[in-house]
Structures are given as structure tokens and as C-alpha cells.
Protein backbone atom coordinates (compact mmCIF):
# COMPACT_ATOMS: atom_id res chain seq x y z
CA MET A 1 0.54 -1.58 20.12
CA LEU A 2 -2.91 -2.93 19.80
CA PRO A 3 -4.14 -4.22 16.37
CA SER A 4 -7.01 -1.71 16.19
CA ASN A 5 -4.70 1.32 16.86
CA LEU A 6 -2.26 -0.11 14.33
CA GLN A 7 -4.97 -0.29 11.58
CA LYS A 8 -5.92 3.44 12.31
CA LEU A 9 -2.22 4.45 12.27
CA LEU A 10 -1.54 2.61 9.05
CA ARG A 11 -4.35 4.26 7.51
CA GLU A 12 -3.08 7.73 8.51
CA PHE A 13 0.25 6.86 7.13
CA ASN A 14 -1.30 5.76 3.79
CA VAL A 15 -3.48 9.03 3.53
CA LYS A 16 -0.46 11.17 4.33
CA GLY A 17 1.98 8.99 2.01
CA TYR A 18 1.14 7.09 -1.00
CA ALA A 19 -2.41 8.42 -1.46
CA ASP A 20 -1.20 12.06 -1.26
CA PRO A 21 -0.15 13.30 -4.78
CA SER A 22 2.06 15.98 -3.25
CA LYS A 23 4.36 13.58 -1.56
CA THR A 24 7.56 12.61 -3.38
CA TYR A 25 9.88 9.60 -2.73
CA GLU A 26 13.53 10.07 -2.28
CA ASP A 27 16.51 8.19 -3.48
CA ASN A 28 17.46 5.53 -0.91
CA SER A 29 20.98 5.20 -2.12
CA LYS A 30 20.30 1.52 -3.06
CA GLN A 31 18.72 2.07 -6.52
CA GLY A 32 15.19 2.52 -4.90
CA LYS A 33 13.02 5.10 -3.51
CA LEU A 34 11.91 5.78 -0.03
CA LEU A 35 9.17 7.70 1.77
CA ARG A 36 9.48 8.26 5.36
CA LEU A 37 6.86 9.80 7.72
CA GLN A 38 6.51 10.49 11.55
CA ILE A 39 3.40 10.50 13.79
CA ASP A 40 4.08 10.95 17.45
CA ALA A 41 6.36 7.91 18.51
CA TYR A 42 5.73 6.07 15.17
CA THR A 43 7.92 6.02 12.03
CA TYR A 44 6.65 4.74 8.68
CA GLU A 45 8.74 3.82 5.59
CA ASP A 46 7.56 2.90 2.24
CA GLU A 47 10.30 1.68 0.08
CA PHE A 48 10.26 0.33 -3.45
CA TYR A 49 12.48 -0.96 -6.19
CA GLY A 50 12.13 -1.29 -9.95
CA GLY A 51 9.65 0.20 -12.22
CA GLU A 52 7.64 -2.60 -14.02
CA PRO A 53 7.41 -4.88 -12.34
CA TYR A 54 8.29 -3.42 -8.91
CA SER A 55 8.83 -4.81 -5.30
CA GLY A 56 8.72 -3.08 -2.06
CA ASN A 57 7.92 -3.00 1.70
CA GLU A 58 6.24 -0.86 4.24
CA THR A 59 7.34 -0.84 7.74
CA ILE A 60 6.16 0.93 11.09
CA TRP A 61 8.33 1.38 14.00
CA GLU A 62 7.01 2.19 17.54
CA LEU A 63 9.97 4.10 19.06
CA ALA A 64 12.98 2.01 17.72
CA ASN A 65 11.05 -1.34 17.54
CA GLN A 66 9.82 -2.71 14.24
CA SER A 67 6.05 -3.35 14.89
CA PHE A 68 4.48 -3.86 11.40
CA GLY A 69 5.66 -5.01 8.02
CA VAL A 70 4.31 -5.66 4.46
CA CYS A 71 6.05 -7.11 1.42
CA ILE A 72 4.63 -5.93 -1.94
CA GLY A 73 5.18 -7.02 -5.57
CA GLY A 74 3.29 -5.82 -8.42
CA LYS A 75 3.21 -4.94 -12.18
CA LEU A 76 1.45 -2.97 -14.87
CA GLN A 77 0.64 -4.61 -18.06
CA LYS A 78 2.81 -3.65 -21.08
CA GLY A 79 1.54 -0.71 -23.04
CA GLU A 80 -0.62 0.84 -20.32
CA ASP A 81 -0.48 4.40 -19.52
CA PHE A 82 1.18 4.62 -16.20
CA GLY A 83 0.20 8.21 -15.49
CA VAL A 84 -3.47 7.48 -15.89
CA LEU A 85 -3.54 4.40 -13.79
CA TYR A 86 -1.36 5.81 -11.12
CA SER A 87 -3.75 8.75 -10.70
CA PHE A 88 -6.58 6.33 -10.62
CA LEU A 89 -4.83 4.07 -7.95
CA ARG A 90 -4.32 7.08 -5.84
CA ALA A 91 -7.96 7.98 -6.00
CA ALA A 92 -9.00 4.51 -5.08
CA LEU A 93 -6.37 4.41 -2.11
CA ALA A 94 -7.76 7.76 -0.96
CA GLN A 95 -11.05 5.98 -0.32
CA GLY A 96 -9.54 3.69 2.31
CA PRO A 97 -10.12 -0.04 3.16
CA SER A 98 -13.69 -1.24 3.26
CA GLY A 99 -15.39 -4.48 4.17
CA ASN A 100 -12.90 -7.27 5.03
CA CYS A 101 -10.00 -5.16 3.71
CA VAL A 102 -7.37 -3.87 6.32
CA HIS A 103 -4.93 -1.90 3.94
CA ARG A 104 -4.85 0.34 1.19
CA GLY A 105 -8.12 0.61 -0.79
CA PRO A 106 -11.80 -0.50 -0.58
CA GLU A 107 -12.94 -3.73 -1.77
CA SER A 108 -14.25 -2.02 -5.05
CA TYR A 109 -13.86 1.44 -6.64
CA ARG A 110 -14.85 2.61 -9.98
CA GLU A 111 -14.36 5.65 -12.25
CA ALA A 112 -15.48 5.56 -15.89
CA ASP A 113 -13.84 2.44 -17.59
CA LEU A 114 -11.48 1.67 -14.57
CA GLU A 115 -12.24 -0.62 -11.69
CA TYR A 116 -10.07 -1.16 -8.68
CA THR A 117 -10.56 -4.22 -6.52
CA ASN A 118 -8.88 -5.32 -3.15
CA GLU A 119 -9.31 -8.95 -2.00
CA CYS A 120 -8.09 -9.44 1.54
CA ILE A 121 -7.65 -12.52 3.75
CA GLY A 122 -6.95 -12.13 7.53
CA ASP A 123 -6.71 -9.04 9.75
CA ILE A 124 -4.22 -6.42 10.56
CA THR A 125 -2.18 -8.97 12.57
CA GLU A 126 -1.58 -11.06 9.66
CA PHE A 127 -3.04 -10.70 6.15
CA ARG A 128 -2.79 -11.24 2.39
CA GLN A 129 -4.38 -9.20 -0.30
CA ILE A 130 -4.37 -8.91 -4.01
CA GLU A 131 -5.09 -5.40 -5.55
CA ARG A 132 -6.16 -5.23 -9.21
CA ILE A 133 -7.12 -2.55 -11.81
CA VAL A 134 -9.28 -3.56 -14.73
CA SER A 135 -9.90 -1.39 -17.74
CA LYS A 136 -12.69 -2.33 -20.09
CA GLY A 137 -12.75 -5.83 -18.81
CA LYS A 138 -8.96 -6.40 -18.96
CA GLU A 139 -6.74 -6.56 -16.03
CA VAL A 140 -3.97 -3.89 -16.48
CA TYR A 141 -2.49 -3.88 -12.88
CA ILE A 142 -1.95 -6.32 -10.18
CA ALA A 143 -0.09 -6.27 -6.85
CA TYR A 144 0.29 -8.78 -4.02
CA PHE A 145 0.71 -7.83 -0.26
CA ASN A 146 1.68 -10.10 2.63
CA GLY A 147 1.77 -8.41 6.00
CA GLY A 148 1.13 -8.06 9.71
CA ILE A 149 2.51 -7.53 13.03
CA ILE A 150 6.30 -8.31 13.59
CA ASN A 151 8.77 -8.40 16.10
CA GLN A 152 6.27 -9.20 19.13
CA LYS A 153 7.54 -11.24 21.87
CA SER A 154 5.12 -14.02 23.04
């Protein structure tokens, strides 16, 4: 799989998955939640554990071979309204990556008193990013991502 195709595919999975408010996650029988989607020969899984804080991973398989993976960890500050921030996060993610970002949302997105930022280092083959939501100048959400192409023979 070529990296440019992978980025487009990952974006399609994110739009049809996490960014879509009609999608629901299922119990994964390991005290976590799982979302599984299929596009042509590719399978996507978004799996997470916990509430606050949380951890998770995203994986894309090409046929039966793992091709891409991301490890995720994040948290919401105590006392924050999960529903409001979750809706805002979905709106930000629906915008898609911009600038140097390869995954999830744009470098910056704002609605009223909320601002989403996405700092990215690297490209789709190997990247790190920090996603934040700030409300009235105070950081209320942060998540860390490490990801890239996996299981590729040299």
C-alpha cells in the first residue's frame, strides 16, 4: 500500500467511523469498545479502553496483513462536560487533517469558546501528534498519538 493511498483510506475510515455521530462502538469482550469498518480489501478497527483517562489503538489491515497502526492515550480534565466536548471533538475531526497533520483533525478549529489544535510531527509512514481542546484559555482535553505503517518487509 502506498503512503498517499493509506492517508486517503485512513481519512475515509475516520469520516465513516469516529467522526460520524451515528456510529456506535460494540463491547469487545475485554472490557473495552470496538468499531470495525470495511472498505474494499481493507478492514479498520478502532478499539479503546477506559473512560477518563482512556487508551486505545487504530489498525488497518490490507486483506489479512496489518498495514497501519496508531496507539492513543488521552484524558478529559475533571469536572468538564463530556457530552459538549465530545460533540465539539467530532465536529473538529469532521474537518479532516490540514497543514502538516496526517491524522484526525485540522491544525486548528474553533467554535465559540472552544478551540481544537492538532500538532503533528512526521508523515503517514511514521508520526506523532498531540490533540488538545482549550476552553476559555484552559486546556480541558489532551490526547497523544503514535502511529505509522507497520508489518512491511524491507
